[in-house]
Amino acid sequence: MRLSTPARYDAVVTTPAVESDLGWALGAVFRGYVRSAEKVLAHLPGGPRGFQVLTSATTGEPCSQQTLARHLGVDKTVMTYLIDDLERAGLVERRPDPTDRRARLLSATAAGRAHLAETAAALRRVEDEILAPLAPAERDLLRDLLRKLATRQEPGSPCEVASPC
């Protein structure tokens, strides 16, 4: 017995059982978001991680690299290289912590804040495209529900805490 080969391997196969599966739905939306967001973030050192670091560096008081690494769930060595790249691009700066000579405080430069504003606006357009089938109230509800689920899975995540510092 020979199995037939589908004419198209890239076709999305869905059934009512698949479409009602939470994992499938979350994965499909996430993959679509990532494809679009990667284009927006490609110019930023570190891509999505660089965006998270730059966002954190513009929120609240300057904080230490170690605190930020812990907050974002990034290895401190990886965080050092990421901040090096952002600093070389002129988007962030490090200064000695006046209360701890061993620590460095991270803050965004004026260029970093401007770059973040442009990038955040482009990401909002990506979100608008992904959420286009939903009414404004549904969009707000979806964001609230996802934030609630995300903070339950990862307490202290960027969804739950605006700034680590």
Protein backbone atom coordinates (compact mmCIF):
# COMPACT_ATOMS: atom_id res chain seq x y z
CA MET A 1 0.00 0.00 0.00
CA ARG A 2 1.41 3.38 -1.01
CA LEU A 3 0.54 6.55 0.88
CA SER A 4 -0.33 9.53 -1.23
CA THR A 5 1.87 12.58 -0.95
CA PRO A 6 0.14 15.90 -0.38
CA ALA A 7 0.43 18.28 -3.31
CA ARG A 8 1.60 21.11 -1.05
CA TYR A 9 3.74 20.66 2.02
CA ASP A 10 3.37 24.26 3.11
CA ALA A 11 -0.42 24.21 3.25
CA VAL A 12 -1.87 24.69 6.72
CA VAL A 13 -3.98 21.71 7.66
CA THR A 14 -6.62 22.53 10.20
CA THR A 15 -9.61 20.72 11.56
CA PRO A 16 -12.08 21.77 14.23
CA ALA A 17 -10.07 19.70 16.74
CA VAL A 18 -6.81 21.44 15.78
CA GLU A 19 -8.32 24.91 15.68
CA SER A 20 -9.73 24.51 19.20
CA ASP A 21 -6.32 23.43 20.56
CA LEU A 22 -4.78 26.20 22.68
CA GLY A 23 -1.22 25.21 21.79
CA TRP A 24 -1.93 25.35 18.07
CA ALA A 25 -3.65 28.74 18.34
CA LEU A 26 -0.95 30.30 20.51
CA GLY A 27 1.77 28.87 18.27
CA ALA A 28 0.16 30.12 15.06
CA VAL A 29 -0.29 33.65 16.42
CA PHE A 30 3.21 33.66 17.92
CA ARG A 31 4.85 32.48 14.68
CA GLY A 32 3.03 35.19 12.72
CA TYR A 33 4.08 37.82 15.23
CA VAL A 34 7.71 36.66 15.24
CA ARG A 35 7.93 36.71 11.42
CA SER A 36 6.73 40.31 11.31
CA ALA A 37 8.56 41.52 14.43
CA GLU A 38 11.90 40.10 13.28
CA LYS A 39 11.79 42.41 10.26
CA VAL A 40 11.18 45.42 12.53
CA LEU A 41 13.88 44.42 15.03
CA ALA A 42 16.54 43.25 12.55
CA HIS A 43 18.39 46.59 12.68
CA LEU A 44 18.57 46.66 16.49
CA PRO A 45 21.60 45.03 18.15
CA GLY A 46 20.34 41.89 19.87
CA GLY A 47 17.00 41.94 18.05
CA PRO A 48 14.10 41.20 20.44
CA ARG A 49 16.42 40.95 23.47
CA GLY A 50 18.00 44.28 22.56
CA PHE A 51 14.53 45.79 22.38
CA GLN A 52 13.73 44.49 25.89
CA VAL A 53 16.99 45.88 27.26
CA LEU A 54 16.47 49.26 25.59
CA THR A 55 12.89 49.41 26.86
CA SER A 56 14.03 48.63 30.41
CA ALA A 57 16.82 51.21 30.14
CA THR A 58 14.27 53.95 29.42
CA THR A 59 11.86 53.03 32.22
CA GLY A 60 12.41 54.43 35.68
CA GLU A 61 15.80 54.89 37.30
CA PRO A 62 19.01 53.47 35.81
CA CYS A 63 19.58 49.92 37.02
CA SER A 64 22.48 47.51 37.19
CA GLN A 65 23.28 45.07 34.42
CA GLN A 66 22.95 42.22 36.91
CA THR A 67 19.46 43.29 38.00
CA LEU A 68 18.38 43.69 34.40
CA ALA A 69 19.81 40.29 33.41
CA ARG A 70 17.93 38.62 36.26
CA HIS A 71 14.72 40.48 35.39
CA LEU A 72 14.84 39.47 31.72
CA GLY A 73 16.07 35.93 32.38
CA VAL A 74 19.33 36.43 30.48
CA ASP A 75 22.70 34.99 31.49
CA LYS A 76 24.87 37.82 32.87
CA THR A 77 27.67 37.10 30.38
CA VAL A 78 25.23 37.23 27.47
CA MET A 79 23.81 40.46 28.91
CA THR A 80 27.30 41.99 28.97
CA TYR A 81 27.82 41.26 25.26
CA LEU A 82 24.34 42.52 24.42
CA ILE A 83 24.90 45.79 26.29
CA ASP A 84 28.33 46.12 24.64
CA ASP A 85 26.60 45.99 21.23
CA LEU A 86 23.91 48.49 22.27
CA GLU A 87 26.57 50.80 23.71
CA ARG A 88 28.66 50.64 20.50
CA ALA A 89 25.52 51.61 18.58
CA GLY A 90 25.16 54.67 20.84
CA LEU A 91 21.81 53.52 22.26
CA VAL A 92 22.76 52.96 25.92
CA GLU A 93 25.48 54.01 28.31
CA ARG A 94 26.96 52.47 31.44
CA ARG A 95 28.07 54.44 34.44
CA PRO A 96 29.59 53.34 37.74
CA ASP A 97 27.01 52.86 40.50
CA PRO A 98 27.78 55.48 43.17
CA THR A 99 26.64 53.05 45.89
CA ASP A 100 28.55 49.99 44.61
CA ARG A 101 31.85 50.46 42.79
CA ARG A 102 31.63 46.95 41.29
CA ALA A 103 28.27 47.58 39.59
CA ARG A 104 27.47 49.51 36.42
CA LEU A 105 24.19 51.33 35.90
CA LEU A 106 22.54 51.20 32.51
CA SER A 107 20.54 54.02 30.94
CA ALA A 108 19.39 54.88 27.45
CA THR A 109 20.98 57.72 25.52
CA ALA A 110 18.90 60.35 23.71
CA ALA A 111 19.56 58.42 20.49
CA GLY A 112 18.44 55.23 22.23
CA ARG A 113 15.18 56.83 23.35
CA ALA A 114 14.49 58.11 19.83
CA HIS A 115 15.33 54.73 18.33
CA LEU A 116 13.08 53.00 20.85
CA ALA A 117 10.17 55.31 20.03
CA GLU A 118 10.46 54.51 16.31
CA THR A 119 10.86 50.78 16.91
CA ALA A 120 7.97 50.64 19.40
CA ALA A 121 5.72 52.42 16.89
CA ALA A 122 6.68 49.87 14.21
CA LEU A 123 5.94 47.00 16.62
CA ARG A 124 2.53 48.54 17.41
CA ARG A 125 1.80 48.41 13.67
CA VAL A 126 2.77 44.72 13.66
CA GLU A 127 0.43 44.12 16.60
CA ASP A 128 -2.35 46.04 14.86
CA GLU A 129 -1.92 43.84 11.78
CA ILE A 130 -1.99 40.63 13.84
CA LEU A 131 -5.01 41.80 15.84
CA ALA A 132 -6.88 43.32 12.87
CA PRO A 133 -9.71 40.74 12.95
CA LEU A 134 -10.58 41.78 16.53
CA ALA A 135 -12.66 44.73 17.67
CA PRO A 136 -10.83 47.25 19.91
CA ALA A 137 -12.52 45.89 23.05
CA GLU A 138 -11.51 42.34 22.07
CA ARG A 139 -7.91 43.47 21.56
CA ASP A 140 -7.82 45.00 25.03
CA LEU A 141 -9.39 41.89 26.55
CA LEU A 142 -6.92 39.59 24.77
CA ARG A 143 -3.94 41.64 25.99
CA ASP A 144 -5.29 41.63 29.55
CA LEU A 145 -5.91 37.88 29.51
CA LEU A 146 -2.51 37.09 28.01
CA ARG A 147 -0.78 39.36 30.56
CA LYS A 148 -2.63 37.57 33.36
CA LEU A 149 -1.56 34.15 32.04
CA ALA A 150 2.01 35.26 31.34
CA THR A 151 2.59 36.68 34.82
CA ARG A 152 1.27 33.47 36.35
CA GLN A 153 3.77 31.45 34.32
CA GLU A 154 6.70 33.80 34.91
CA PRO A 155 6.25 35.92 38.04
CA GLY A 156 8.31 39.09 37.90
CA SER A 157 8.31 39.10 34.12
CA PRO A 158 8.29 42.35 32.12
CA CYS A 159 4.51 41.89 31.83
CA GLU A 160 4.12 42.08 35.60
CA VAL A 161 6.77 44.63 36.52
CA ALA A 162 7.19 47.76 34.41
CA SER A 163 10.78 48.29 35.48
CA PRO A 164 13.21 46.04 37.34
CA CYS A 165 14.70 48.98 39.22
